[in-house]
PDB file of N, CA and C in Angstrom:
ATOM      1  N   MET A   1      -5.772 -31.036  -2.868  1.00  0.00           N
ATOM      2  CA  MET A   1      -6.590 -31.094  -1.692  1.00  0.00           C
ATOM      3  C   MET A   1      -7.858 -30.278  -1.947  1.00  0.00           C
ATOM      4  N   LYS A   2      -8.937 -30.743  -1.405  1.00  0.00           N
ATOM      5  CA  LYS A   2     -10.205 -30.034  -1.552  1.00  0.00           C
ATOM      6  C   LYS A   2     -10.541 -29.355  -0.240  1.00  0.00           C
ATOM      7  N   THR A   3     -11.201 -28.198  -0.367  1.00  0.00           N
ATOM      8  CA  THR A   3     -11.681 -27.482   0.806  1.00  0.00           C
ATOM      9  C   THR A   3     -12.919 -26.692   0.419  1.00  0.00           C
ATOM     10  N   THR A   4     -13.654 -26.259   1.398  1.00  0.00           N
ATOM     11  CA  THR A   4     -14.842 -25.444   1.162  1.00  0.00           C
ATOM     12  C   THR A   4     -14.590 -24.073   1.764  1.00  0.00           C
ATOM     13  N   ILE A   5     -14.881 -23.051   0.995  1.00  0.00           N
ATOM     14  CA  ILE A   5     -14.752 -21.692   1.510  1.00  0.00           C
ATOM     15  C   ILE A   5     -16.069 -20.958   1.293  1.00  0.00           C
ATOM     16  N   GLU A   6     -16.323 -19.993   2.140  1.00  0.00           N
ATOM     17  CA  GLU A   6     -17.515 -19.175   1.994  1.00  0.00           C
ATOM     18  C   GLU A   6     -17.072 -17.765   1.646  1.00  0.00           C
ATOM     19  N   MET A   7     -17.774 -17.157   0.699  1.00  0.00           N
ATOM     20  CA  MET A   7     -17.506 -15.775   0.333  1.00  0.00           C
ATOM     21  C   MET A   7     -18.810 -15.157  -0.144  1.00  0.00           C
ATOM     22  N   PRO A   8     -18.871 -13.839  -0.134  1.00  0.00           N
ATOM     23  CA  PRO A   8     -20.092 -13.188  -0.605  1.00  0.00           C
ATOM     24  C   PRO A   8     -20.384 -13.548  -2.056  1.00  0.00           C
ATOM     25  N   ASP A   9     -21.664 -13.640  -2.390  1.00  0.00           N
ATOM     26  CA  ASP A   9     -22.080 -13.992  -3.754  1.00  0.00           C
ATOM     27  C   ASP A   9     -21.473 -13.049  -4.790  1.00  0.00           C
ATOM     28  N   LYS A  10     -21.465 -11.764  -4.467  1.00  0.00           N
ATOM     29  CA  LYS A  10     -20.931 -10.772  -5.408  1.00  0.00           C
ATOM     30  C   LYS A  10     -19.443 -11.033  -5.682  1.00  0.00           C
ATOM     31  N   THR A  11     -18.695 -11.362  -4.639  1.00  0.00           N
ATOM     32  CA  THR A  11     -17.269 -11.645  -4.805  1.00  0.00           C
ATOM     33  C   THR A  11     -17.065 -12.893  -5.651  1.00  0.00           C
ATOM     34  N   LEU A  12     -17.873 -13.909  -5.405  1.00  0.00           N
ATOM     35  CA  LEU A  12     -17.768 -15.141  -6.177  1.00  0.00           C
ATOM     36  C   LEU A  12     -18.066 -14.883  -7.654  1.00  0.00           C
ATOM     37  N   ARG A  13     -19.118 -14.116  -7.935  1.00  0.00           N
ATOM     38  CA  ARG A  13     -19.452 -13.816  -9.340  1.00  0.00           C
ATOM     39  C   ARG A  13     -18.316 -13.048 -10.022  1.00  0.00           C
ATOM     40  N   ARG A  14     -17.753 -12.084  -9.307  1.00  0.00           N
ATOM     41  CA  ARG A  14     -16.635 -11.317  -9.887  1.00  0.00           C
ATOM     42  C   ARG A  14     -15.433 -12.226 -10.152  1.00  0.00           C
ATOM     43  N   ALA A  15     -15.171 -13.139  -9.222  1.00  0.00           N
ATOM     44  CA  ALA A  15     -14.057 -14.071  -9.388  1.00  0.00           C
ATOM     45  C   ALA A  15     -14.313 -15.007 -10.575  1.00  0.00           C
ATOM     46  N   GLN A  16     -15.526 -15.494 -10.693  1.00  0.00           N
ATOM     47  CA  GLN A  16     -15.863 -16.370 -11.820  1.00  0.00           C
ATOM     48  C   GLN A  16     -15.705 -15.625 -13.144  1.00  0.00           C
ATOM     49  N   ASN A  17     -16.165 -14.377 -13.189  1.00  0.00           N
ATOM     50  CA  ASN A  17     -16.016 -13.584 -14.416  1.00  0.00           C
ATOM     51  C   ASN A  17     -14.551 -13.336 -14.754  1.00  0.00           C
ATOM     52  N   LEU A  18     -13.753 -13.012 -13.739  1.00  0.00           N
ATOM     53  CA  LEU A  18     -12.334 -12.767 -13.974  1.00  0.00           C
ATOM     54  C   LEU A  18     -11.636 -14.031 -14.468  1.00  0.00           C
ATOM     55  N   ALA A  19     -11.959 -15.146 -13.855  1.00  0.00           N
ATOM     56  CA  ALA A  19     -11.365 -16.415 -14.287  1.00  0.00           C
ATOM     57  C   ALA A  19     -11.732 -16.702 -15.740  1.00  0.00           C
ATOM     58  N   ALA A  20     -12.981 -16.484 -16.089  1.00  0.00           N
ATOM     59  CA  ALA A  20     -13.425 -16.713 -17.470  1.00  0.00           C
ATOM     60  C   ALA A  20     -12.697 -15.766 -18.424  1.00  0.00           C
ATOM     61  N   ASP A  21     -12.558 -14.503 -18.033  1.00  0.00           N
ATOM     62  CA  ASP A  21     -11.845 -13.541 -18.876  1.00  0.00           C
ATOM     63  C   ASP A  21     -10.389 -13.945 -19.092  1.00  0.00           C
ATOM     64  N   LYS A  22      -9.792 -14.524 -18.050  1.00  0.00           N
ATOM     65  CA  LYS A  22      -8.384 -14.943 -18.139  1.00  0.00           C
ATOM     66  C   LYS A  22      -8.239 -16.320 -18.802  1.00  0.00           C
ATOM     67  N   GLY A  23      -9.356 -16.998 -18.989  1.00  0.00           N
ATOM     68  CA  GLY A  23      -9.321 -18.324 -19.607  1.00  0.00           C
ATOM     69  C   GLY A  23      -8.788 -19.400 -18.680  1.00  0.00           C
ATOM     70  N   ILE A  24      -9.035 -19.232 -17.380  1.00  0.00           N
ATOM     71  CA  ILE A  24      -8.586 -20.220 -16.401  1.00  0.00           C
ATOM     72  C   ILE A  24      -9.775 -20.625 -15.538  1.00  0.00           C
ATOM     73  N   THR A  25      -9.584 -21.674 -14.765  1.00  0.00           N
ATOM     74  CA  THR A  25     -10.663 -22.124 -13.884  1.00  0.00           C
ATOM     75  C   THR A  25     -10.690 -21.275 -12.625  1.00  0.00           C
ATOM     76  N   LEU A  26     -11.814 -21.343 -11.935  1.00  0.00           N
ATOM     77  CA  LEU A  26     -11.939 -20.635 -10.665  1.00  0.00           C
ATOM     78  C   LEU A  26     -10.902 -21.163  -9.673  1.00  0.00           C
ATOM     79  N   THR A  27     -10.666 -22.450  -9.688  1.00  0.00           N
ATOM     80  CA  THR A  27      -9.652 -23.043  -8.803  1.00  0.00           C
ATOM     81  C   THR A  27      -8.283 -22.434  -9.075  1.00  0.00           C
ATOM     82  N   GLU A  28      -7.933 -22.286 -10.359  1.00  0.00           N
ATOM     83  CA  GLU A  28      -6.637 -21.696 -10.703  1.00  0.00           C
ATOM     84  C   GLU A  28      -6.556 -20.238 -10.249  1.00  0.00           C
ATOM     85  N   LEU A  29      -7.654 -19.497 -10.410  1.00  0.00           N
ATOM     86  CA  LEU A  29      -7.678 -18.103  -9.994  1.00  0.00           C
ATOM     87  C   LEU A  29      -7.495 -17.978  -8.483  1.00  0.00           C
ATOM     88  N   VAL A  30      -8.230 -18.782  -7.733  1.00  0.00           N
ATOM     89  CA  VAL A  30      -8.138 -18.729  -6.270  1.00  0.00           C
ATOM     90  C   VAL A  30      -6.737 -19.149  -5.822  1.00  0.00           C
ATOM     91  N   THR A  31      -6.180 -20.161  -6.454  1.00  0.00           N
ATOM     92  CA  THR A  31      -4.828 -20.605  -6.116  1.00  0.00           C
ATOM     93  C   THR A  31      -3.820 -19.488  -6.368  1.00  0.00           C
ATOM     94  N   GLU A  32      -3.932 -18.816  -7.528  1.00  0.00           N
ATOM     95  CA  GLU A  32      -3.041 -17.691  -7.845  1.00  0.00           C
ATOM     96  C   GLU A  32      -3.165 -16.597  -6.794  1.00  0.00           C
ATOM     97  N   ALA A  33      -4.400 -16.288  -6.420  1.00  0.00           N
ATOM     98  CA  ALA A  33      -4.634 -15.209  -5.459  1.00  0.00           C
ATOM     99  C   ALA A  33      -4.032 -15.542  -4.096  1.00  0.00           C
ATOM    100  N   VAL A  34      -4.222 -16.769  -3.649  1.00  0.00           N
ATOM    101  CA  VAL A  34      -3.677 -17.173  -2.348  1.00  0.00           C
ATOM    102  C   VAL A  34      -2.156 -17.193  -2.401  1.00  0.00           C
ATOM    103  N   GLU A  35      -1.587 -17.720  -3.483  1.00  0.00           N
ATOM    104  CA  GLU A  35      -0.124 -17.754  -3.611  1.00  0.00           C
ATOM    105  C   GLU A  35       0.453 -16.340  -3.640  1.00  0.00           C
ATOM    106  N   ASP A  36      -0.227 -15.435  -4.338  1.00  0.00           N
ATOM    107  CA  ASP A  36       0.226 -14.049  -4.385  1.00  0.00           C
ATOM    108  C   ASP A  36       0.202 -13.428  -2.991  1.00  0.00           C
ATOM    109  N   LYS A  37      -0.870 -13.652  -2.267  1.00  0.00           N
ATOM    110  CA  LYS A  37      -0.991 -13.116  -0.904  1.00  0.00           C
ATOM    111  C   LYS A  37       0.093 -13.694  -0.002  1.00  0.00           C
ATOM    112  N   LEU A  38       0.352 -14.977  -0.119  1.00  0.00           N
ATOM    113  CA  LEU A  38       1.400 -15.600   0.685  1.00  0.00           C
ATOM    114  C   LEU A  38       2.776 -15.052   0.321  1.00  0.00           C
ATOM    115  N   ARG A  39       3.020 -14.868  -0.962  1.00  0.00           N
ATOM    116  CA  ARG A  39       4.302 -14.337  -1.427  1.00  0.00           C
ATOM    117  C   ARG A  39       4.525 -12.934  -0.865  1.00  0.00           C
ATOM    118  N   ARG A  40       3.486 -12.105  -0.906  1.00  0.00           N
ATOM    119  CA  ARG A  40       3.611 -10.739  -0.395  1.00  0.00           C
ATOM    120  C   ARG A  40       3.798 -10.723   1.115  1.00  0.00           C
ATOM    121  N   SER A  41       3.184 -11.658   1.811  1.00  0.00           N
ATOM    122  CA  SER A  41       3.325 -11.663   3.267  1.00  0.00           C
ATOM    123  C   SER A  41       4.718 -12.110   3.683  1.00  0.00           C
ATOM    124  N   THR A  42       5.399 -12.894   2.866  1.00  0.00           N
ATOM    125  CA  THR A  42       6.749 -13.329   3.219  1.00  0.00           C
ATOM    126  C   THR A  42       7.799 -12.296   2.836  1.00  0.00           C
ATOM    127  N   THR A  43       7.411 -11.247   2.093  1.00  0.00           N
ATOM    128  CA  THR A  43       8.371 -10.211   1.751  1.00  0.00           C
ATOM    129  C   THR A  43       8.264  -9.044   2.730  1.00  0.00           C
ATOM    130  N   ARG A  44       7.629  -9.273   3.852  1.00  0.00           N
ATOM    131  CA  ARG A  44       7.522  -8.239   4.877  1.00  0.00           C
ATOM    132  C   ARG A  44       8.566  -8.503   5.956  1.00  0.00           C
ATOM    133  N   SER A  45       9.035  -7.448   6.559  1.00  0.00           N
ATOM    134  CA  SER A  45      10.008  -7.586   7.626  1.00  0.00           C
ATOM    135  C   SER A  45       9.308  -8.073   8.891  1.00  0.00           C
ATOM    136  N   GLU A  46      10.090  -8.303   9.930  1.00  0.00           N
ATOM    137  CA  GLU A  46       9.522  -8.759  11.189  1.00  0.00           C
ATOM    138  C   GLU A  46       8.532  -7.745  11.751  1.00  0.00           C
ATOM    139  N   SER A  47       8.720  -6.463  11.439  1.00  0.00           N
ATOM    140  CA  SER A  47       7.830  -5.428  11.950  1.00  0.00           C
ATOM    141  C   SER A  47       6.507  -5.378  11.188  1.00  0.00           C
ATOM    142  N   GLY A  48       6.397  -6.159  10.093  1.00  0.00           N
ATOM    143  CA  GLY A  48       5.182  -6.161   9.305  1.00  0.00           C
ATOM    144  C   GLY A  48       5.202  -5.184   8.152  1.00  0.00           C
ATOM    145  N   GLU A  49       6.331  -4.454   7.989  1.00  0.00           N
ATOM    146  CA  GLU A  49       6.429  -3.497   6.894  1.00  0.00           C
ATOM    147  C   GLU A  49       6.829  -4.221   5.614  1.00  0.00           C
ATOM    148  N   PRO A  50       6.373  -3.728   4.463  1.00  0.00           N
ATOM    149  CA  PRO A  50       6.810  -4.306   3.188  1.00  0.00           C
ATOM    150  C   PRO A  50       8.332  -4.170   3.058  1.00  0.00           C
ATOM    151  N   SER A  51       8.952  -5.053   2.303  1.00  0.00           N
ATOM    152  CA  SER A  51      10.409  -5.058   2.199  1.00  0.00           C
ATOM    153  C   SER A  51      10.967  -3.759   1.641  1.00  0.00           C
ATOM    154  N   TRP A  52      10.215  -3.067   0.755  1.00  0.00           N
ATOM    155  CA  TRP A  52      10.725  -1.825   0.196  1.00  0.00           C
ATOM    156  C   TRP A  52      10.841  -0.735   1.255  1.00  0.00           C
ATOM    157  N   MET A  53      10.115  -0.901   2.378  1.00  0.00           N
ATOM    158  CA  MET A  53      10.176   0.094   3.434  1.00  0.00           C
ATOM    159  C   MET A  53      11.508   0.051   4.182  1.00  0.00           C
ATOM    160  N   LYS A  54      12.253  -1.043   4.065  1.00  0.00           N
ATOM    161  CA  LYS A  54      13.554  -1.114   4.731  1.00  0.00           C
ATOM    162  C   LYS A  54      14.435   0.032   4.257  1.00  0.00           C
ATOM    163  N   LEU A  55      14.498   0.232   2.966  1.00  0.00           N
ATOM    164  CA  LEU A  55      15.317   1.303   2.413  1.00  0.00           C
ATOM    165  C   LEU A  55      14.715   2.660   2.745  1.00  0.00           C
ATOM    166  N   TYR A  56      13.443   2.827   2.498  1.00  0.00           N
ATOM    167  CA  TYR A  56      12.797   4.114   2.762  1.00  0.00           C
ATOM    168  C   TYR A  56      12.876   4.456   4.239  1.00  0.00           C
ATOM    169  N   GLY A  57      12.593   3.484   5.072  1.00  0.00           N
ATOM    170  CA  GLY A  57      12.611   3.727   6.510  1.00  0.00           C
ATOM    171  C   GLY A  57      13.979   4.176   6.995  1.00  0.00           C
ATOM    172  N   ALA A  58      15.036   3.583   6.462  1.00  0.00           N
ATOM    173  CA  ALA A  58      16.384   3.990   6.842  1.00  0.00           C
ATOM    174  C   ALA A  58      16.646   5.419   6.401  1.00  0.00           C
ATOM    175  N   PHE A  59      16.183   5.768   5.218  1.00  0.00           N
ATOM    176  CA  PHE A  59      16.373   7.117   4.702  1.00  0.00           C
ATOM    177  C   PHE A  59      15.602   8.128   5.546  1.00  0.00           C
ATOM    178  N   ALA A  60      14.364   7.811   5.855  1.00  0.00           N
ATOM    179  CA  ALA A  60      13.517   8.732   6.604  1.00  0.00           C
ATOM    180  C   ALA A  60      14.032   8.954   8.016  1.00  0.00           C
ATOM    181  N   LYS A  61      14.723   7.978   8.571  1.00  0.00           N
ATOM    182  CA  LYS A  61      15.231   8.093   9.932  1.00  0.00           C
ATOM    183  C   LYS A  61      16.595   8.768   9.996  1.00  0.00           C
ATOM    184  N   SER A  62      17.198   9.015   8.851  1.00  0.00           N
ATOM    185  CA  SER A  62      18.533   9.602   8.850  1.00  0.00           C
ATOM    186  C   SER A  62      18.502  11.044   9.328  1.00  0.00           C
ATOM    187  N   GLU A  63      19.585  11.480   9.950  1.00  0.00           N
ATOM    188  CA  GLU A  63      19.694  12.856  10.433  1.00  0.00           C
ATOM    189  C   GLU A  63      19.586  13.830   9.269  1.00  0.00           C
ATOM    190  N   GLU A  64      20.168  13.486   8.145  1.00  0.00           N
ATOM    191  CA  GLU A  64      20.116  14.352   6.964  1.00  0.00           C
ATOM    192  C   GLU A  64      18.672  14.612   6.542  1.00  0.00           C
ATOM    193  N   MET A  65      17.856  13.591   6.577  1.00  0.00           N
ATOM    194  CA  MET A  65      16.452  13.743   6.190  1.00  0.00           C
ATOM    195  C   MET A  65      15.710  14.608   7.201  1.00  0.00           C
ATOM    196  N   ARG A  66      15.981  14.414   8.486  1.00  0.00           N
ATOM    197  CA  ARG A  66      15.305  15.212   9.513  1.00  0.00           C
ATOM    198  C   ARG A  66      15.665  16.693   9.373  1.00  0.00           C
ATOM    199  N   VAL A  67      16.938  16.993   9.097  1.00  0.00           N
ATOM    200  CA  VAL A  67      17.364  18.380   8.918  1.00  0.00           C
ATOM    201  C   VAL A  67      16.655  18.985   7.710  1.00  0.00           C
ATOM    202  N   GLU A  68      16.611  18.244   6.616  1.00  0.00           N
ATOM    203  CA  GLU A  68      15.949  18.713   5.399  1.00  0.00           C
ATOM    204  C   GLU A  68      14.465  18.956   5.644  1.00  0.00           C
ATOM    205  N   THR A  69      13.828  18.070   6.352  1.00  0.00           N
ATOM    206  CA  THR A  69      12.410  18.217   6.657  1.00  0.00           C
ATOM    207  C   THR A  69      12.165  19.464   7.491  1.00  0.00           C
ATOM    208  N   ARG A  70      13.008  19.707   8.477  1.00  0.00           N
ATOM    209  CA  ARG A  70      12.859  20.919   9.308  1.00  0.00           C
ATOM    210  C   ARG A  70      13.031  22.177   8.468  1.00  0.00           C
ATOM    211  N   GLN A  71      13.986  22.168   7.542  1.00  0.00           N
ATOM    212  CA  GLN A  71      14.211  23.332   6.687  1.00  0.00           C
ATOM    213  C   GLN A  71      12.993  23.604   5.803  1.00  0.00           C
ATOM    214  N   ILE A  72      12.436  22.568   5.241  1.00  0.00           N
ATOM    215  CA  ILE A  72      11.251  22.719   4.392  1.00  0.00           C
ATOM    216  C   ILE A  72      10.086  23.244   5.216  1.00  0.00           C
ATOM    217  N   GLN A  73       9.882  22.678   6.409  1.00  0.00           N
ATOM    218  CA  GLN A  73       8.781  23.127   7.262  1.00  0.00           C
ATOM    219  C   GLN A  73       8.960  24.585   7.651  1.00  0.00           C
ATOM    220  N   LYS A  74      10.187  25.024   7.915  1.00  0.00           N
ATOM    221  CA  LYS A  74      10.450  26.422   8.263  1.00  0.00           C
ATOM    222  C   LYS A  74      10.037  27.347   7.117  1.00  0.00           C
ATOM    223  N   ILE A  75      10.385  26.970   5.900  1.00  0.00           N
ATOM    224  CA  ILE A  75      10.018  27.770   4.725  1.00  0.00           C
ATOM    225  C   ILE A  75       8.504  27.844   4.578  1.00  0.00           C
ATOM    226  N   ILE A  76       7.840  26.733   4.756  1.00  0.00           N
ATOM    227  CA  ILE A  76       6.376  26.699   4.659  1.00  0.00           C
ATOM    228  C   ILE A  76       5.755  27.596   5.723  1.00  0.00           C
ATOM    229  N   ASP A  77       6.239  27.485   6.958  1.00  0.00           N
ATOM    230  CA  ASP A  77       5.705  28.308   8.040  1.00  0.00           C
ATOM    231  C   ASP A  77       5.904  29.796   7.759  1.00  0.00           C
ATOM    232  N   GLU A  78       7.083  30.166   7.274  1.00  0.00           N
ATOM    233  CA  GLU A  78       7.365  31.570   6.967  1.00  0.00           C
ATOM    234  C   GLU A  78       6.434  32.095   5.880  1.00  0.00           C
ATOM    235  N   GLU A  79       6.185  31.280   4.872  1.00  0.00           N
ATOM    236  CA  GLU A  79       5.295  31.707   3.792  1.00  0.00           C
ATOM    237  C   GLU A  79       3.862  31.879   4.275  1.00  0.00           C
ATOM    238  N   PHE A  80       3.412  30.993   5.148  1.00  0.00           N
ATOM    239  CA  PHE A  80       2.062  31.121   5.671  1.00  0.00           C
ATOM    240  C   PHE A  80       1.920  32.350   6.566  1.00  0.00           C
ATOM    241  N   GLU A  81       2.985  32.719   7.247  1.00  0.00           N
ATOM    242  CA  GLU A  81       2.942  33.920   8.076  1.00  0.00           C
ATOM    243  C   GLU A  81       2.795  35.176   7.227  1.00  0.00           C
ATOM    244  N   ARG A  82       3.230  35.132   5.990  1.00  0.00           N
ATOM    245  CA  ARG A  82       3.157  36.285   5.101  1.00  0.00           C
ATOM    246  C   ARG A  82       1.756  36.492   4.520  1.00  0.00           C
ATOM    247  N   ILE A  83       0.914  35.512   4.649  1.00  0.00           N
ATOM    248  CA  ILE A  83      -0.427  35.611   4.079  1.00  0.00           C
ATOM    249  C   ILE A  83      -1.247  36.607   4.893  1.00  0.00           C
ATOM    250  N   ASP A  84      -1.863  37.535   4.202  1.00  0.00           N
ATOM    251  CA  ASP A  84      -2.711  38.529   4.846  1.00  0.00           C
ATOM    252  C   ASP A  84      -4.139  37.983   4.885  1.00  0.00           C
ATOM    253  N   ALA A  85      -4.710  37.959   6.065  1.00  0.00           N
ATOM    254  CA  ALA A  85      -6.055  37.409   6.234  1.00  0.00           C
ATOM    255  C   ALA A  85      -7.072  38.153   5.353  1.00  0.00           C
ATOM    256  N   GLU A  86      -6.833  39.408   5.111  1.00  0.00           N
ATOM    257  CA  GLU A  86      -7.749  40.192   4.271  1.00  0.00           C
ATOM    258  C   GLU A  86      -7.760  39.673   2.837  1.00  0.00           C
ATOM    259  N   ASP A  87      -6.655  39.121   2.382  1.00  0.00           N
ATOM    260  CA  ASP A  87      -6.578  38.597   1.010  1.00  0.00           C
ATOM    261  C   ASP A  87      -7.490  37.393   0.812  1.00  0.00           C
ATOM    262  N   TRP A  88      -7.869  36.732   1.878  1.00  0.00           N
ATOM    263  CA  TRP A  88      -8.669  35.503   1.797  1.00  0.00           C
ATOM    264  C   TRP A  88     -10.159  35.782   1.900  1.00  0.00           C
ATOM    265  N   ARG A  89     -10.532  37.009   2.074  1.00  0.00           N
ATOM    266  CA  ARG A  89     -11.973  37.310   2.221  1.00  0.00           C
ATOM    267  C   ARG A  89     -12.597  37.609   0.911  1.00  0.00           C
TER     268      ARG A  89
END
């Protein structure tokens, strides 16, 4: 199928150069780019997050992670309280 698209001249020149460097046509490059974008959009959850965030998000929401985060923040706060303002002048 044929279609017409508009893009900035600079983007078109960069795309043409990249296609030439890869030894493919501009049509093949644009097709690859669109297919890649479509593939990545289908690997997102219903919330719009990338699929890898499913695992991370579950970990970050766990009670164990929240407790650990609070402990780390407490240590950081205690260390900052020990800083003498005179040392920074």
